[in-house]
N, C-alpha and C. Protein backbone atom coordinates (compact mmCIF):
# COMPACT_ATOMS: atom_id res chain seq x y z
N MET A 1 9.06 0.87 -13.32
CA MET A 1 8.66 1.48 -12.08
C MET A 1 9.74 1.33 -11.03
N LEU A 2 10.33 0.15 -10.94
CA LEU A 2 11.37 -0.10 -9.96
C LEU A 2 12.60 0.76 -10.23
N GLY A 3 12.95 0.90 -11.51
CA GLY A 3 14.10 1.74 -11.87
C GLY A 3 13.89 3.20 -11.48
N LEU A 4 12.67 3.67 -11.65
CA LEU A 4 12.36 5.04 -11.27
C LEU A 4 12.50 5.23 -9.77
N SER A 5 11.99 4.29 -9.00
CA SER A 5 12.07 4.42 -7.54
C SER A 5 13.52 4.33 -7.06
N PHE A 6 14.31 3.44 -7.64
CA PHE A 6 15.71 3.35 -7.24
C PHE A 6 16.47 4.61 -7.64
N GLY A 7 16.16 5.16 -8.78
CA GLY A 7 16.81 6.40 -9.21
C GLY A 7 16.55 7.54 -8.26
N LEU A 8 15.31 7.67 -7.82
CA LEU A 8 14.96 8.71 -6.86
C LEU A 8 15.60 8.44 -5.49
N LEU A 9 15.62 7.18 -5.08
CA LEU A 9 16.19 6.82 -3.79
C LEU A 9 17.69 7.09 -3.76
N PHE A 10 18.39 6.74 -4.83
CA PHE A 10 19.84 6.93 -4.86
C PHE A 10 20.20 8.41 -4.83
N THR A 11 19.43 9.22 -5.51
CA THR A 11 19.71 10.65 -5.52
C THR A 11 19.52 11.25 -4.13
N VAL A 12 18.42 10.92 -3.50
CA VAL A 12 18.13 11.46 -2.17
C VAL A 12 19.15 10.96 -1.15
N SER A 13 19.53 9.69 -1.22
CA SER A 13 20.49 9.16 -0.25
C SER A 13 21.87 9.77 -0.45
N THR A 14 22.25 10.05 -1.69
CA THR A 14 23.54 10.70 -1.94
C THR A 14 23.55 12.12 -1.38
N ILE A 15 22.50 12.86 -1.62
CA ILE A 15 22.40 14.22 -1.09
C ILE A 15 22.38 14.18 0.43
N GLY A 16 21.64 13.25 1.01
CA GLY A 16 21.59 13.12 2.46
C GLY A 16 22.94 12.80 3.06
N ALA A 17 23.70 11.90 2.41
CA ALA A 17 25.03 11.56 2.91
C ALA A 17 25.97 12.75 2.83
N GLN A 18 25.82 13.57 1.83
CA GLN A 18 26.67 14.75 1.70
C GLN A 18 26.31 15.83 2.71
N GLN A 19 25.05 15.91 3.10
CA GLN A 19 24.62 16.93 4.05
C GLN A 19 25.03 16.61 5.48
N LEU A 20 25.34 15.36 5.78
CA LEU A 20 25.68 14.96 7.14
C LEU A 20 27.15 15.17 7.49
N VAL A 21 27.96 15.55 6.51
CA VAL A 21 29.39 15.71 6.78
C VAL A 21 29.83 17.12 6.42
N GLU A 22 31.03 17.47 6.86
CA GLU A 22 31.58 18.78 6.54
C GLU A 22 32.04 18.81 5.09
N ALA A 23 32.34 20.01 4.60
CA ALA A 23 32.65 20.20 3.18
C ALA A 23 33.85 19.37 2.73
N HIS A 24 34.88 19.27 3.56
CA HIS A 24 36.08 18.55 3.14
C HIS A 24 35.91 17.04 3.19
N GLN A 25 34.77 16.54 3.70
CA GLN A 25 34.52 15.10 3.78
C GLN A 25 33.44 14.63 2.81
N LYS A 26 32.94 15.50 1.96
CA LYS A 26 31.84 15.12 1.06
C LYS A 26 32.26 14.06 0.05
N GLY A 27 33.46 14.15 -0.46
CA GLY A 27 33.93 13.15 -1.41
C GLY A 27 34.06 11.78 -0.77
N ILE A 28 34.56 11.76 0.47
CA ILE A 28 34.69 10.50 1.20
C ILE A 28 33.32 9.90 1.47
N SER A 29 32.39 10.73 1.89
CA SER A 29 31.04 10.27 2.19
C SER A 29 30.36 9.69 0.95
N THR A 30 30.47 10.39 -0.15
CA THR A 30 29.84 9.93 -1.39
C THR A 30 30.47 8.64 -1.89
N SER A 31 31.80 8.57 -1.88
CA SER A 31 32.47 7.37 -2.37
C SER A 31 32.20 6.17 -1.47
N LEU A 32 32.14 6.39 -0.15
CA LEU A 32 31.83 5.29 0.76
C LEU A 32 30.41 4.78 0.53
N GLN A 33 29.49 5.69 0.30
CA GLN A 33 28.11 5.28 0.03
C GLN A 33 28.02 4.47 -1.26
N LEU A 34 28.67 4.93 -2.31
CA LEU A 34 28.64 4.20 -3.58
C LEU A 34 29.33 2.85 -3.47
N PHE A 35 30.45 2.80 -2.73
CA PHE A 35 31.16 1.53 -2.53
C PHE A 35 30.27 0.54 -1.77
N ALA A 36 29.65 1.01 -0.69
CA ALA A 36 28.77 0.13 0.09
C ALA A 36 27.59 -0.35 -0.74
N ARG A 37 27.05 0.53 -1.58
CA ARG A 37 25.93 0.15 -2.45
C ARG A 37 26.36 -0.93 -3.44
N ASN A 38 27.54 -0.78 -4.03
CA ASN A 38 28.02 -1.78 -4.99
C ASN A 38 28.32 -3.11 -4.33
N ILE A 39 28.95 -3.09 -3.16
CA ILE A 39 29.23 -4.33 -2.44
C ILE A 39 27.92 -5.00 -2.02
N GLY A 40 26.98 -4.22 -1.52
CA GLY A 40 25.69 -4.77 -1.12
C GLY A 40 24.95 -5.39 -2.29
N THR A 41 25.02 -4.74 -3.44
CA THR A 41 24.37 -5.28 -4.63
C THR A 41 25.01 -6.61 -5.05
N ALA A 42 26.32 -6.66 -5.05
CA ALA A 42 27.02 -7.89 -5.44
C ALA A 42 26.70 -9.04 -4.49
N VAL A 43 26.73 -8.77 -3.20
CA VAL A 43 26.44 -9.82 -2.22
C VAL A 43 24.99 -10.25 -2.32
N SER A 44 24.07 -9.31 -2.45
CA SER A 44 22.65 -9.65 -2.53
C SER A 44 22.32 -10.47 -3.77
N VAL A 45 22.89 -10.11 -4.90
CA VAL A 45 22.65 -10.88 -6.12
C VAL A 45 23.20 -12.29 -5.97
N THR A 46 24.35 -12.43 -5.34
CA THR A 46 24.94 -13.75 -5.13
C THR A 46 24.07 -14.60 -4.21
N VAL A 47 23.64 -14.03 -3.10
CA VAL A 47 22.81 -14.78 -2.14
C VAL A 47 21.47 -15.14 -2.77
N MET A 48 20.83 -14.19 -3.42
CA MET A 48 19.53 -14.47 -4.04
C MET A 48 19.66 -15.51 -5.15
N GLY A 49 20.73 -15.44 -5.92
CA GLY A 49 20.95 -16.43 -6.97
C GLY A 49 21.15 -17.82 -6.40
N SER A 50 21.87 -17.92 -5.29
CA SER A 50 22.07 -19.24 -4.69
C SER A 50 20.78 -19.77 -4.08
N ILE A 51 19.94 -18.89 -3.54
CA ILE A 51 18.65 -19.34 -3.00
C ILE A 51 17.77 -19.91 -4.10
N VAL A 52 17.71 -19.22 -5.23
CA VAL A 52 16.87 -19.68 -6.34
C VAL A 52 17.44 -20.96 -6.94
N THR A 53 18.75 -21.05 -7.06
CA THR A 53 19.37 -22.21 -7.68
C THR A 53 19.23 -23.47 -6.84
N LYS A 54 19.32 -23.35 -5.52
CA LYS A 54 19.28 -24.53 -4.65
C LYS A 54 17.87 -25.07 -4.43
N ALA A 55 16.87 -24.31 -4.76
CA ALA A 55 15.49 -24.77 -4.56
C ALA A 55 15.13 -25.85 -5.59
N ASP A 56 14.35 -26.82 -5.13
CA ASP A 56 13.92 -27.89 -6.04
C ASP A 56 12.94 -27.36 -7.07
N VAL A 57 12.06 -26.49 -6.64
CA VAL A 57 11.05 -25.91 -7.52
C VAL A 57 11.36 -24.42 -7.65
N PHE A 58 11.24 -23.90 -8.85
CA PHE A 58 11.58 -22.50 -9.11
C PHE A 58 10.79 -21.56 -8.22
N TYR A 59 9.50 -21.82 -8.05
CA TYR A 59 8.67 -20.92 -7.25
C TYR A 59 9.05 -20.94 -5.77
N THR A 60 9.53 -22.07 -5.29
CA THR A 60 10.03 -22.13 -3.92
C THR A 60 11.27 -21.26 -3.77
N GLY A 61 12.13 -21.28 -4.78
CA GLY A 61 13.31 -20.43 -4.77
C GLY A 61 12.95 -18.95 -4.80
N ILE A 62 11.97 -18.61 -5.60
CA ILE A 62 11.52 -17.21 -5.66
C ILE A 62 10.95 -16.78 -4.32
N HIS A 63 10.18 -17.67 -3.68
CA HIS A 63 9.64 -17.35 -2.35
C HIS A 63 10.78 -17.12 -1.35
N GLY A 64 11.77 -18.00 -1.36
CA GLY A 64 12.92 -17.83 -0.46
C GLY A 64 13.67 -16.54 -0.74
N MET A 65 13.76 -16.18 -2.01
CA MET A 65 14.43 -14.94 -2.38
C MET A 65 13.68 -13.74 -1.82
N PHE A 66 12.36 -13.75 -1.88
CA PHE A 66 11.60 -12.63 -1.35
C PHE A 66 11.65 -12.58 0.18
N VAL A 67 11.72 -13.73 0.83
CA VAL A 67 11.89 -13.74 2.28
C VAL A 67 13.23 -13.12 2.65
N TYR A 68 14.29 -13.52 1.92
CA TYR A 68 15.60 -12.92 2.15
C TYR A 68 15.54 -11.41 1.92
N GLY A 69 14.88 -10.99 0.86
CA GLY A 69 14.76 -9.56 0.57
C GLY A 69 14.02 -8.81 1.67
N LEU A 70 12.99 -9.43 2.23
CA LEU A 70 12.26 -8.80 3.34
C LEU A 70 13.14 -8.65 4.56
N ILE A 71 13.88 -9.69 4.90
CA ILE A 71 14.77 -9.63 6.06
C ILE A 71 15.85 -8.58 5.85
N ALA A 72 16.45 -8.56 4.66
CA ALA A 72 17.48 -7.56 4.37
C ALA A 72 16.93 -6.15 4.43
N THR A 73 15.69 -5.96 3.98
CA THR A 73 15.06 -4.64 4.03
C THR A 73 14.82 -4.20 5.46
N LEU A 74 14.34 -5.10 6.30
CA LEU A 74 14.11 -4.76 7.70
C LEU A 74 15.41 -4.41 8.41
N VAL A 75 16.47 -5.14 8.11
CA VAL A 75 17.78 -4.82 8.69
C VAL A 75 18.26 -3.46 8.19
N ALA A 76 18.05 -3.19 6.91
CA ALA A 76 18.47 -1.91 6.33
C ALA A 76 17.72 -0.74 6.96
N PHE A 77 16.48 -0.94 7.36
CA PHE A 77 15.73 0.12 8.05
C PHE A 77 16.15 0.25 9.51
N ALA A 78 16.49 -0.86 10.16
CA ALA A 78 16.80 -0.85 11.58
C ALA A 78 18.18 -0.26 11.87
N VAL A 79 19.15 -0.51 11.01
CA VAL A 79 20.52 -0.05 11.27
C VAL A 79 20.62 1.46 11.36
N PRO A 80 20.07 2.24 10.43
CA PRO A 80 20.16 3.70 10.59
C PRO A 80 19.46 4.22 11.84
N LEU A 81 18.36 3.58 12.21
CA LEU A 81 17.68 4.00 13.43
C LEU A 81 18.54 3.75 14.66
N ALA A 82 19.22 2.60 14.68
CA ALA A 82 20.11 2.30 15.79
C ALA A 82 21.30 3.25 15.82
N ILE A 83 21.85 3.55 14.66
CA ILE A 83 22.98 4.48 14.58
C ILE A 83 22.54 5.86 15.06
N ARG A 84 21.36 6.28 14.66
CA ARG A 84 20.87 7.60 15.06
C ARG A 84 20.69 7.69 16.58
N SER A 85 20.13 6.64 17.19
CA SER A 85 19.92 6.70 18.63
C SER A 85 21.24 6.68 19.38
N VAL A 86 22.22 5.91 18.91
CA VAL A 86 23.54 5.90 19.53
C VAL A 86 24.21 7.25 19.37
N ARG A 87 24.07 7.84 18.22
CA ARG A 87 24.68 9.15 17.97
C ARG A 87 24.06 10.23 18.85
N GLU A 88 22.73 10.20 18.99
CA GLU A 88 22.06 11.17 19.86
C GLU A 88 22.48 11.01 21.30
N GLU A 89 22.66 9.75 21.75
CA GLU A 89 23.11 9.51 23.13
C GLU A 89 24.52 10.04 23.35
N SER A 90 25.39 9.85 22.35
CA SER A 90 26.77 10.30 22.51
C SER A 90 26.86 11.83 22.46
N LEU A 91 25.98 12.48 21.71
CA LEU A 91 25.99 13.94 21.65
C LEU A 91 25.40 14.57 22.92
N SER A 92 24.43 13.87 23.54
CA SER A 92 23.77 14.46 24.70
C SER A 92 24.57 14.26 25.99
N GLY A 93 25.50 13.37 25.98
CA GLY A 93 26.23 13.25 27.24
C GLY A 93 27.06 12.07 27.28
């Protein structure tokens, strides 16, 4: 189920990133998105692995990992909203 949702999300986000730029910048937009996704995945796996490893009890580590995942998700939702509002302000005046 998770693989299906990520597959759909990646496709939509790639198309969205390509639609926001001009034709001559589509390759740059797509490659930057894939690069950021790969770096984010590597950093997240490292951080989550260290959280689970440092916990005395496995379930405490899993709980900490999900808390980290929740915080990262909230930041991931907040950043595009902030970028959009800044962009709208710069376009309006």
